[in-house]
Amino acid sequence: KERDKAIAKADGLQETLHEATELVTKLETDKRDLENRLELADREIDKLHEWKEQITEEKNELEVEVEKLRRENDSLQNAIDTFEVAFEYKDQENRGAAKANGGL
């Protein structure tokens, strides 16, 4: 009778050990899966950082180009303004000469 109890207890312990082993195996598999996912996420984060750096560089380059274009635009506007003033002056000069010559 004692032997039967001991065998039953050993069988129970064997079953518990088997269940615990299966659980540990499942947990190890889950851990590896999570580690793989984390590694993939880290790679994606690295890619995003690289893209952010590239975008920032491109943005800075575009800002420099915009500033160049602004200066060029200002220069062209100054040239237009100078031309308009010179044209207006020449136009008034021509009108004055025409008046002096009896025209208009």
PDB file of N, CA and C in Angstrom:
ATOM      1  N   LYS A   1       0.826  -1.191   0.000  1.00  0.00           N
ATOM      2  CA  LYS A   1       0.000   0.000   0.000  1.00  0.00           C
ATOM      3  C   LYS A   1       0.869   1.254   0.000  1.00  0.00           C
ATOM      4  N   GLU A   2       1.880   1.272   0.801  1.00  0.00           N
ATOM      5  CA  GLU A   2       2.804   2.415   0.831  1.00  0.00           C
ATOM      6  C   GLU A   2       3.489   2.556  -0.519  1.00  0.00           C
ATOM      7  N   ARG A   3       3.806   1.408  -1.073  1.00  0.00           N
ATOM      8  CA  ARG A   3       4.473   1.432  -2.378  1.00  0.00           C
ATOM      9  C   ARG A   3       3.545   2.024  -3.431  1.00  0.00           C
ATOM     10  N   ASP A   4       2.280   1.678  -3.407  1.00  0.00           N
ATOM     11  CA  ASP A   4       1.315   2.217  -4.366  1.00  0.00           C
ATOM     12  C   ASP A   4       1.181   3.720  -4.206  1.00  0.00           C
ATOM     13  N   LYS A   5       1.162   4.202  -2.955  1.00  0.00           N
ATOM     14  CA  LYS A   5       1.099   5.642  -2.701  1.00  0.00           C
ATOM     15  C   LYS A   5       2.339   6.342  -3.265  1.00  0.00           C
ATOM     16  N   ALA A   6       3.492   5.719  -3.026  1.00  0.00           N
ATOM     17  CA  ALA A   6       4.739   6.304  -3.504  1.00  0.00           C
ATOM     18  C   ALA A   6       4.758   6.332  -5.035  1.00  0.00           C
ATOM     19  N   ILE A   7       4.270   5.282  -5.655  1.00  0.00           N
ATOM     20  CA  ILE A   7       4.220   5.242  -7.123  1.00  0.00           C
ATOM     21  C   ILE A   7       3.250   6.301  -7.637  1.00  0.00           C
ATOM     22  N   ALA A   8       2.100   6.428  -6.990  1.00  0.00           N
ATOM     23  CA  ALA A   8       1.105   7.427  -7.401  1.00  0.00           C
ATOM     24  C   ALA A   8       1.683   8.830  -7.237  1.00  0.00           C
ATOM     25  N   LYS A   9       2.382   9.044  -6.117  1.00  0.00           N
ATOM     26  CA  LYS A   9       2.993  10.351  -5.872  1.00  0.00           C
ATOM     27  C   LYS A   9       4.079  10.613  -6.914  1.00  0.00           C
ATOM     28  N   ALA A  10       4.877   9.612  -7.231  1.00  0.00           N
ATOM     29  CA  ALA A  10       5.940   9.750  -8.228  1.00  0.00           C
ATOM     30  C   ALA A  10       5.326  10.031  -9.600  1.00  0.00           C
ATOM     31  N   ASP A  11       4.229   9.348  -9.905  1.00  0.00           N
ATOM     32  CA  ASP A  11       3.548   9.595 -11.180  1.00  0.00           C
ATOM     33  C   ASP A  11       3.024  11.036 -11.229  1.00  0.00           C
ATOM     34  N   GLY A  12       2.473  11.520 -10.134  1.00  0.00           N
ATOM     35  CA  GLY A  12       1.973  12.899 -10.058  1.00  0.00           C
ATOM     36  C   GLY A  12       3.106  13.896 -10.238  1.00  0.00           C
ATOM     37  N   LEU A  13       4.218  13.603  -9.551  1.00  0.00           N
ATOM     38  CA  LEU A  13       5.385  14.479  -9.683  1.00  0.00           C
ATOM     39  C   LEU A  13       5.937  14.438 -11.104  1.00  0.00           C
ATOM     40  N   GLN A  14       5.941  13.236 -11.711  1.00  0.00           N
ATOM     41  CA  GLN A  14       6.418  13.087 -13.086  1.00  0.00           C
ATOM     42  C   GLN A  14       5.536  13.919 -14.031  1.00  0.00           C
ATOM     43  N   GLU A  15       4.224  13.870 -13.835  1.00  0.00           N
ATOM     44  CA  GLU A  15       3.290  14.645 -14.670  1.00  0.00           C
ATOM     45  C   GLU A  15       3.500  16.142 -14.453  1.00  0.00           C
ATOM     46  N   THR A  16       3.675  16.550 -13.213  1.00  0.00           N
ATOM     47  CA  THR A  16       3.928  17.963 -12.903  1.00  0.00           C
ATOM     48  C   THR A  16       5.233  18.415 -13.549  1.00  0.00           C
ATOM     49  N   LEU A  17       6.263  17.575 -13.465  1.00  0.00           N
ATOM     50  CA  LEU A  17       7.551  17.892 -14.077  1.00  0.00           C
ATOM     51  C   LEU A  17       7.392  18.014 -15.594  1.00  0.00           C
ATOM     52  N   HIS A  18       6.639  17.117 -16.189  1.00  0.00           N
ATOM     53  CA  HIS A  18       6.404  17.152 -17.632  1.00  0.00           C
ATOM     54  C   HIS A  18       5.678  18.453 -18.017  1.00  0.00           C
ATOM     55  N   GLU A  19       4.635  18.826 -17.286  1.00  0.00           N
ATOM     56  CA  GLU A  19       3.905  20.064 -17.557  1.00  0.00           C
ATOM     57  C   GLU A  19       4.811  21.285 -17.385  1.00  0.00           C
ATOM     58  N   ALA A  20       5.622  21.254 -16.326  1.00  0.00           N
ATOM     59  CA  ALA A  20       6.544  22.366 -16.086  1.00  0.00           C
ATOM     60  C   ALA A  20       7.566  22.462 -17.219  1.00  0.00           C
ATOM     61  N   THR A  21       8.056  21.317 -17.695  1.00  0.00           N
ATOM     62  CA  THR A  21       9.023  21.303 -18.801  1.00  0.00           C
ATOM     63  C   THR A  21       8.385  21.872 -20.073  1.00  0.00           C
ATOM     64  N   GLU A  22       7.145  21.483 -20.354  1.00  0.00           N
ATOM     65  CA  GLU A  22       6.432  22.020 -21.514  1.00  0.00           C
ATOM     66  C   GLU A  22       6.245  23.527 -21.385  1.00  0.00           C
ATOM     67  N   LEU A  23       5.909  23.979 -20.188  1.00  0.00           N
ATOM     68  CA  LEU A  23       5.715  25.413 -19.950  1.00  0.00           C
ATOM     69  C   LEU A  23       7.027  26.174 -20.145  1.00  0.00           C
ATOM     70  N   VAL A  24       8.119  25.640 -19.627  1.00  0.00           N
ATOM     71  CA  VAL A  24       9.430  26.278 -19.792  1.00  0.00           C
ATOM     72  C   VAL A  24       9.797  26.342 -21.276  1.00  0.00           C
ATOM     73  N   THR A  25       9.547  25.238 -21.993  1.00  0.00           N
ATOM     74  CA  THR A  25       9.836  25.217 -23.434  1.00  0.00           C
ATOM     75  C   THR A  25       9.012  26.287 -24.154  1.00  0.00           C
ATOM     76  N   LYS A  26       7.735  26.382 -23.824  1.00  0.00           N
ATOM     77  CA  LYS A  26       6.874  27.398 -24.441  1.00  0.00           C
ATOM     78  C   LYS A  26       7.366  28.796 -24.088  1.00  0.00           C
ATOM     79  N   LEU A  27       7.728  29.018 -22.851  1.00  0.00           N
ATOM     80  CA  LEU A  27       8.224  30.339 -22.437  1.00  0.00           C
ATOM     81  C   LEU A  27       9.531  30.691 -23.154  1.00  0.00           C
ATOM     82  N   GLU A  28      10.399  29.710 -23.316  1.00  0.00           N
ATOM     83  CA  GLU A  28      11.652  29.953 -24.042  1.00  0.00           C
ATOM     84  C   GLU A  28      11.373  30.305 -25.502  1.00  0.00           C
ATOM     85  N   THR A  29      10.413  29.590 -26.099  1.00  0.00           N
ATOM     86  CA  THR A  29      10.027  29.892 -27.485  1.00  0.00           C
ATOM     87  C   THR A  29       9.442  31.300 -27.579  1.00  0.00           C
ATOM     88  N   ASP A  30       8.561  31.647 -26.655  1.00  0.00           N
ATOM     89  CA  ASP A  30       7.973  32.993 -26.631  1.00  0.00           C
ATOM     90  C   ASP A  30       9.054  34.060 -26.440  1.00  0.00           C
ATOM     91  N   LYS A  31      10.011  33.753 -25.568  1.00  0.00           N
ATOM     92  CA  LYS A  31      11.101  34.703 -25.320  1.00  0.00           C
ATOM     93  C   LYS A  31      11.908  34.927 -26.595  1.00  0.00           C
ATOM     94  N   ARG A  32      12.245  33.846 -27.297  1.00  0.00           N
ATOM     95  CA  ARG A  32      12.996  33.980 -28.559  1.00  0.00           C
ATOM     96  C   ARG A  32      12.193  34.789 -29.582  1.00  0.00           C
ATOM     97  N   ASP A  33      10.894  34.513 -29.652  1.00  0.00           N
ATOM     98  CA  ASP A  33      10.031  35.256 -30.578  1.00  0.00           C
ATOM     99  C   ASP A  33      10.036  36.746 -30.237  1.00  0.00           C
ATOM    100  N   LEU A  34       9.906  37.062 -28.970  1.00  0.00           N
ATOM    101  CA  LEU A  34       9.911  38.462 -28.548  1.00  0.00           C
ATOM    102  C   LEU A  34      11.270  39.117 -28.801  1.00  0.00           C
ATOM    103  N   GLU A  35      12.345  38.369 -28.574  1.00  0.00           N
ATOM    104  CA  GLU A  35      13.688  38.905 -28.852  1.00  0.00           C
ATOM    105  C   GLU A  35      13.846  39.201 -30.342  1.00  0.00           C
ATOM    106  N   ASN A  36      13.329  38.290 -31.193  1.00  0.00           N
ATOM    107  CA  ASN A  36      13.385  38.520 -32.637  1.00  0.00           C
ATOM    108  C   ASN A  36      12.573  39.742 -33.037  1.00  0.00           C
ATOM    109  N   ARG A  37      11.398  39.873 -32.462  1.00  0.00           N
ATOM    110  CA  ARG A  37      10.562  41.040 -32.746  1.00  0.00           C
ATOM    111  C   ARG A  37      11.257  42.328 -32.298  1.00  0.00           C
ATOM    112  N   LEU A  38      11.884  42.271 -31.137  1.00  0.00           N
ATOM    113  CA  LEU A  38      12.606  43.436 -30.622  1.00  0.00           C
ATOM    114  C   LEU A  38      13.757  43.807 -31.548  1.00  0.00           C
ATOM    115  N   GLU A  39      14.466  42.796 -32.033  1.00  0.00           N
ATOM    116  CA  GLU A  39      15.575  43.050 -32.957  1.00  0.00           C
ATOM    117  C   GLU A  39      15.061  43.691 -34.240  1.00  0.00           C
ATOM    118  N   LEU A  40      13.945  43.185 -34.765  1.00  0.00           N
ATOM    119  CA  LEU A  40      13.351  43.787 -35.962  1.00  0.00           C
ATOM    120  C   LEU A  40      12.918  45.228 -35.696  1.00  0.00           C
ATOM    121  N   ALA A  41      12.313  45.447 -34.555  1.00  0.00           N
ATOM    122  CA  ALA A  41      11.879  46.802 -34.199  1.00  0.00           C
ATOM    123  C   ALA A  41      13.087  47.735 -34.080  1.00  0.00           C
ATOM    124  N   ASP A  42      14.177  47.239 -33.485  1.00  0.00           N
ATOM    125  CA  ASP A  42      15.396  48.049 -33.377  1.00  0.00           C
ATOM    126  C   ASP A  42      15.926  48.412 -34.759  1.00  0.00           C
ATOM    127  N   ARG A  43      15.892  47.453 -35.688  1.00  0.00           N
ATOM    128  CA  ARG A  43      16.351  47.732 -37.058  1.00  0.00           C
ATOM    129  C   ARG A  43      15.466  48.781 -37.714  1.00  0.00           C
ATOM    130  N   GLU A  44      14.169  48.669 -37.510  1.00  0.00           N
ATOM    131  CA  GLU A  44      13.242  49.652 -38.079  1.00  0.00           C
ATOM    132  C   GLU A  44      13.494  51.038 -37.486  1.00  0.00           C
ATOM    133  N   ILE A  45      13.744  51.084 -36.196  1.00  0.00           N
ATOM    134  CA  ILE A  45      14.043  52.367 -35.537  1.00  0.00           C
ATOM    135  C   ILE A  45      15.326  52.951 -36.119  1.00  0.00           C
ATOM    136  N   ASP A  46      16.337  52.109 -36.330  1.00  0.00           N
ATOM    137  CA  ASP A  46      17.582  52.587 -36.936  1.00  0.00           C
ATOM    138  C   ASP A  46      17.324  53.153 -38.327  1.00  0.00           C
ATOM    139  N   LYS A  47      16.498  52.460 -39.130  1.00  0.00           N
ATOM    140  CA  LYS A  47      16.153  52.951 -40.469  1.00  0.00           C
ATOM    141  C   LYS A  47      15.465  54.306 -40.369  1.00  0.00           C
ATOM    142  N   LEU A  48      14.532  54.412 -39.426  1.00  0.00           N
ATOM    143  CA  LEU A  48      13.806  55.678 -39.266  1.00  0.00           C
ATOM    144  C   LEU A  48      14.750  56.809 -38.869  1.00  0.00           C
ATOM    145  N   HIS A  49      15.728  56.513 -38.021  1.00  0.00           N
ATOM    146  CA  HIS A  49      16.716  57.532 -37.649  1.00  0.00           C
ATOM    147  C   HIS A  49      17.539  57.947 -38.863  1.00  0.00           C
ATOM    148  N   GLU A  50      17.921  56.965 -39.692  1.00  0.00           N
ATOM    149  CA  GLU A  50      18.684  57.281 -40.904  1.00  0.00           C
ATOM    150  C   GLU A  50      17.847  58.160 -41.831  1.00  0.00           C
ATOM    151  N   TRP A  51      16.574  57.803 -41.997  1.00  0.00           N
ATOM    152  CA  TRP A  51      15.698  58.597 -42.861  1.00  0.00           C
ATOM    153  C   TRP A  51      15.555  60.009 -42.308  1.00  0.00           C
ATOM    154  N   LYS A  52      15.414  60.098 -40.990  1.00  0.00           N
ATOM    155  CA  LYS A  52      15.268  61.421 -40.370  1.00  0.00           C
ATOM    156  C   LYS A  52      16.509  62.258 -40.639  1.00  0.00           C
ATOM    157  N   GLU A  53      17.690  61.654 -40.516  1.00  0.00           N
ATOM    158  CA  GLU A  53      18.935  62.379 -40.791  1.00  0.00           C
ATOM    159  C   GLU A  53      18.985  62.824 -42.250  1.00  0.00           C
ATOM    160  N   GLN A  54      18.604  61.931 -43.173  1.00  0.00           N
ATOM    161  CA  GLN A  54      18.601  62.282 -44.598  1.00  0.00           C
ATOM    162  C   GLN A  54      17.624  63.421 -44.874  1.00  0.00           C
ATOM    163  N   ILE A  55      16.452  63.328 -44.303  1.00  0.00           N
ATOM    164  CA  ILE A  55      15.434  64.362 -44.500  1.00  0.00           C
ATOM    165  C   ILE A  55      15.924  65.687 -43.930  1.00  0.00           C
ATOM    166  N   THR A  56      16.558  65.641 -42.764  1.00  0.00           N
ATOM    167  CA  THR A  56      17.087  66.864 -42.162  1.00  0.00           C
ATOM    168  C   THR A  56      18.166  67.473 -43.047  1.00  0.00           C
ATOM    169  N   GLU A  57      19.059  66.632 -43.601  1.00  0.00           N
ATOM    170  CA  GLU A  57      20.095  67.132 -44.501  1.00  0.00           C
ATOM    171  C   GLU A  57      19.470  67.764 -45.734  1.00  0.00           C
ATOM    172  N   GLU A  58      18.487  67.079 -46.321  1.00  0.00           N
ATOM    173  CA  GLU A  58      17.818  67.613 -47.505  1.00  0.00           C
ATOM    174  C   GLU A  58      17.099  68.918 -47.182  1.00  0.00           C
ATOM    175  N   LYS A  59      16.479  68.975 -46.016  1.00  0.00           N
ATOM    176  CA  LYS A  59      15.781  70.194 -45.596  1.00  0.00           C
ATOM    177  C   LYS A  59      16.777  71.340 -45.483  1.00  0.00           C
ATOM    178  N   ASN A  60      17.923  71.074 -44.878  1.00  0.00           N
ATOM    179  CA  ASN A  60      18.937  72.114 -44.739  1.00  0.00           C
ATOM    180  C   ASN A  60      19.440  72.576 -46.098  1.00  0.00           C
ATOM    181  N   GLU A  61      19.658  71.622 -47.004  1.00  0.00           N
ATOM    182  CA  GLU A  61      20.096  71.978 -48.354  1.00  0.00           C
ATOM    183  C   GLU A  61      19.040  72.828 -49.054  1.00  0.00           C
ATOM    184  N   LEU A  62      17.772  72.461 -48.887  1.00  0.00           N
ATOM    185  CA  LEU A  62      16.697  73.234 -49.502  1.00  0.00           C
ATOM    186  C   LEU A  62      16.599  74.633 -48.894  1.00  0.00           C
ATOM    187  N   GLU A  63      16.808  74.740 -47.598  1.00  0.00           N
ATOM    188  CA  GLU A  63      16.784  76.060 -46.965  1.00  0.00           C
ATOM    189  C   GLU A  63      17.891  76.949 -47.522  1.00  0.00           C
ATOM    190  N   VAL A  64      19.072  76.365 -47.759  1.00  0.00           N
ATOM    191  CA  VAL A  64      20.178  77.122 -48.360  1.00  0.00           C
ATOM    192  C   VAL A  64      19.780  77.561 -49.768  1.00  0.00           C
ATOM    193  N   GLU A  65      19.189  76.653 -50.531  1.00  0.00           N
ATOM    194  CA  GLU A  65      18.764  76.975 -51.900  1.00  0.00           C
ATOM    195  C   GLU A  65      17.688  78.056 -51.892  1.00  0.00           C
ATOM    196  N   VAL A  66      16.748  77.970 -50.970  1.00  0.00           N
ATOM    197  CA  VAL A  66      15.692  78.987 -50.858  1.00  0.00           C
ATOM    198  C   VAL A  66      16.316  80.344 -50.554  1.00  0.00           C
ATOM    199  N   GLU A  67      17.295  80.368 -49.670  1.00  0.00           N
ATOM    200  CA  GLU A  67      17.955  81.635 -49.335  1.00  0.00           C
ATOM    201  C   GLU A  67      18.678  82.203 -50.553  1.00  0.00           C
ATOM    202  N   LYS A  68      19.338  81.337 -51.327  1.00  0.00           N
ATOM    203  CA  LYS A  68      19.992  81.796 -52.564  1.00  0.00           C
ATOM    204  C   LYS A  68      18.960  82.394 -53.510  1.00  0.00           C
ATOM    205  N   LEU A  69      17.831  81.705 -53.659  1.00  0.00           N
ATOM    206  CA  LEU A  69      16.781  82.198 -54.558  1.00  0.00           C
ATOM    207  C   LEU A  69      16.200  83.517 -54.056  1.00  0.00           C
ATOM    208  N   ARG A  70      16.059  83.665 -52.758  1.00  0.00           N
ATOM    209  CA  ARG A  70      15.567  84.930 -52.202  1.00  0.00           C
ATOM    210  C   ARG A  70      16.523  86.071 -52.540  1.00  0.00           C
ATOM    211  N   ARG A  71      17.828  85.808 -52.357  1.00  0.00           N
ATOM    212  CA  ARG A  71      18.819  86.844 -52.681  1.00  0.00           C
ATOM    213  C   ARG A  71      18.782  87.174 -54.169  1.00  0.00           C
ATOM    214  N   GLU A  72      18.672  86.135 -54.997  1.00  0.00           N
ATOM    215  CA  GLU A  72      18.599  86.352 -56.441  1.00  0.00           C
ATOM    216  C   GLU A  72      17.342  87.137 -56.795  1.00  0.00           C
ATOM    217  N   ASN A  73      16.241  86.801 -56.160  1.00  0.00           N
ATOM    218  CA  ASN A  73      14.992  87.518 -56.387  1.00  0.00           C
ATOM    219  C   ASN A  73      15.130  88.984 -55.971  1.00  0.00           C
ATOM    220  N   ASP A  74      15.736  89.223 -54.814  1.00  0.00           N
ATOM    221  CA  ASP A  74      15.948  90.602 -54.359  1.00  0.00           C
ATOM    222  C   ASP A  74      16.807  91.369 -55.355  1.00  0.00           C
ATOM    223  N   SER A  75      17.852  90.714 -55.849  1.00  0.00           N
ATOM    224  CA  SER A  75      18.740  91.346 -56.818  1.00  0.00           C
ATOM    225  C   SER A  75      17.980  91.680 -58.097  1.00  0.00           C
ATOM    226  N   LEU A  76      17.166  90.733 -58.566  1.00  0.00           N
ATOM    227  CA  LEU A  76      16.368  90.985 -59.768  1.00  0.00           C
ATOM    228  C   LEU A  76      15.349  92.097 -59.536  1.00  0.00           C
ATOM    229  N   GLN A  77      14.750  92.099 -58.359  1.00  0.00           N
ATOM    230  CA  GLN A  77      13.767  93.147 -58.052  1.00  0.00           C
ATOM    231  C   GLN A  77      14.450  94.510 -58.018  1.00  0.00           C
ATOM    232  N   ASN A  78      15.674  94.554 -57.464  1.00  0.00           N
ATOM    233  CA  ASN A  78      16.423  95.815 -57.453  1.00  0.00           C
ATOM    234  C   ASN A  78      16.728  96.260 -58.883  1.00  0.00           C
ATOM    235  N   ALA A  79      17.095  95.312 -59.741  1.00  0.00           N
ATOM    236  CA  ALA A  79      17.376  95.651 -61.137  1.00  0.00           C
ATOM    237  C   ALA A  79      16.119  96.174 -61.822  1.00  0.00           C
ATOM    238  N   ILE A  80      14.988  95.541 -61.559  1.00  0.00           N
ATOM    239  CA  ILE A  80      13.718  96.003 -62.139  1.00  0.00           C
ATOM    240  C   ILE A  80      13.396  97.403 -61.642  1.00  0.00           C
ATOM    241  N   ASP A  81      13.546  97.605 -60.326  1.00  0.00           N
ATOM    242  CA  ASP A  81      13.271  98.931 -59.760  1.00  0.00           C
ATOM    243  C   ASP A  81      14.172  99.986 -60.395  1.00  0.00           C
ATOM    244  N   THR A  82      15.460  99.670 -60.548  1.00  0.00           N
ATOM    245  CA  THR A  82      16.412 100.594 -61.167  1.00  0.00           C
ATOM    246  C   THR A  82      15.996 100.883 -62.601  1.00  0.00           C
ATOM    247  N   PHE A  83      15.625  99.862 -63.343  1.00  0.00           N
ATOM    248  CA  PHE A  83      15.186 100.037 -64.718  1.00  0.00           C
ATOM    249  C   PHE A  83      13.947 100.925 -64.776  1.00  0.00           C
ATOM    250  N   GLU A  84      12.977 100.663 -63.889  1.00  0.00           N
ATOM    251  CA  GLU A  84      11.748 101.461 -63.888  1.00  0.00           C
ATOM    252  C   GLU A  84      12.043 102.928 -63.597  1.00  0.00           C
ATOM    253  N   VAL A  85      12.933 103.187 -62.651  1.00  0.00           N
ATOM    254  CA  VAL A  85      13.302 104.569 -62.335  1.00  0.00           C
ATOM    255  C   VAL A  85      13.987 105.207 -63.537  1.00  0.00           C
ATOM    256  N   ALA A  86      14.914 104.478 -64.139  1.00  0.00           N
ATOM    257  CA  ALA A  86      15.617 105.009 -65.314  1.00  0.00           C
ATOM    258  C   ALA A  86      14.641 105.230 -66.463  1.00  0.00           C
ATOM    259  N   PHE A  87      13.711 104.308 -66.662  1.00  0.00           N
ATOM    260  CA  PHE A  87      12.729 104.450 -67.723  1.00  0.00           C
ATOM    261  C   PHE A  87      11.856 105.678 -67.484  1.00  0.00           C
ATOM    262  N   GLU A  88      11.391 105.822 -66.236  1.00  0.00           N
ATOM    263  CA  GLU A  88      10.548 106.972 -65.885  1.00  0.00           C
ATOM    264  C   GLU A  88      11.321 108.272 -66.108  1.00  0.00           C
ATOM    265  N   TYR A  89      12.581 108.291 -65.694  1.00  0.00           N
ATOM    266  CA  TYR A  89      13.418 109.484 -65.878  1.00  0.00           C
ATOM    267  C   TYR A  89      13.572 109.788 -67.364  1.00  0.00           C
ATOM    268  N   LYS A  90      13.868 108.751 -68.171  1.00  0.00           N
ATOM    269  CA  LYS A  90      14.054 108.944 -69.616  1.00  0.00           C
ATOM    270  C   LYS A  90      12.748 109.370 -70.252  1.00  0.00           C
ATOM    271  N   ASP A  91      11.636 108.818 -69.807  1.00  0.00           N
ATOM    272  CA  ASP A  91      10.335 109.180 -70.340  1.00  0.00           C
ATOM    273  C   ASP A  91      10.046 110.653 -70.066  1.00  0.00           C
ATOM    274  N   GLN A  92      10.315 111.081 -68.834  1.00  0.00           N
ATOM    275  CA  GLN A  92      10.098 112.506 -68.500  1.00  0.00           C
ATOM    276  C   GLN A  92      11.052 113.395 -69.291  1.00  0.00           C
ATOM    277  N   GLU A  93      12.264 112.936 -69.467  1.00  0.00           N
ATOM    278  CA  GLU A  93      13.248 113.695 -70.244  1.00  0.00           C
ATOM    279  C   GLU A  93      12.760 113.858 -71.688  1.00  0.00           C
ATOM    280  N   ASN A  94      12.262 112.762 -72.266  1.00  0.00           N
ATOM    281  CA  ASN A  94      11.757 112.818 -73.640  1.00  0.00           C
ATOM    282  C   ASN A  94      10.533 113.732 -73.751  1.00  0.00           C
ATOM    283  N   ARG A  95       9.645 113.673 -72.764  1.00  0.00           N
ATOM    284  CA  ARG A  95       8.469 114.552 -72.777  1.00  0.00           C
ATOM    285  C   ARG A  95       8.892 116.017 -72.670  1.00  0.00           C
ATOM    286  N   GLY A  96       9.889 116.244 -71.795  1.00  0.00           N
ATOM    287  CA  GLY A  96      10.390 117.624 -71.654  1.00  0.00           C
ATOM    288  C   GLY A  96      11.021 118.111 -72.954  1.00  0.00           C
ATOM    289  N   ALA A  97      11.768 117.262 -73.611  1.00  0.00           N
ATOM    290  CA  ALA A  97      12.405 117.633 -74.873  1.00  0.00           C
ATOM    291  C   ALA A  97      11.331 117.863 -75.950  1.00  0.00           C
ATOM    292  N   ALA A  98      10.304 117.048 -75.941  1.00  0.00           N
ATOM    293  CA  ALA A  98       9.237 117.213 -76.927  1.00  0.00           C
ATOM    294  C   ALA A  98       8.517 118.530 -76.705  1.00  0.00           C
ATOM    295  N   LYS A  99       8.242 118.867 -75.433  1.00  0.00           N
ATOM    296  CA  LYS A  99       7.593 120.145 -75.107  1.00  0.00           C
ATOM    297  C   LYS A  99       8.463 121.310 -75.549  1.00  0.00           C
ATOM    298  N   ALA A 100       9.747 121.195 -75.246  1.00  0.00           N
ATOM    299  CA  ALA A 100      10.680 122.276 -75.599  1.00  0.00           C
ATOM    300  C   ALA A 100      10.754 122.456 -77.103  1.00  0.00           C
ATOM    301  N   ASN A 101      10.521 121.378 -77.820  1.00  0.00           N
ATOM    302  CA  ASN A 101      10.589 121.458 -79.282  1.00  0.00           C
ATOM    303  C   ASN A 101       9.217 121.776 -79.883  1.00  0.00           C
ATOM    304  N   GLY A 102       8.264 122.117 -79.020  1.00  0.00           N
ATOM    305  CA  GLY A 102       6.954 122.522 -79.516  1.00  0.00           C
ATOM    306  C   GLY A 102       5.981 121.387 -79.692  1.00  0.00           C
ATOM    307  N   GLY A 103       6.333 120.247 -79.302  1.00  0.00           N
ATOM    308  CA  GLY A 103       5.428 119.114 -79.452  1.00  0.00           C
ATOM    309  C   GLY A 103       4.543 118.985 -78.229  1.00  0.00           C
ATOM    310  N   LEU A 104       3.695 118.001 -78.277  1.00  0.00           N
ATOM    311  CA  LEU A 104       2.747 117.691 -77.206  1.00  0.00           C
ATOM    312  C   LEU A 104       1.968 118.913 -76.874  1.00  0.00           C
TER     313      LEU A 104
END
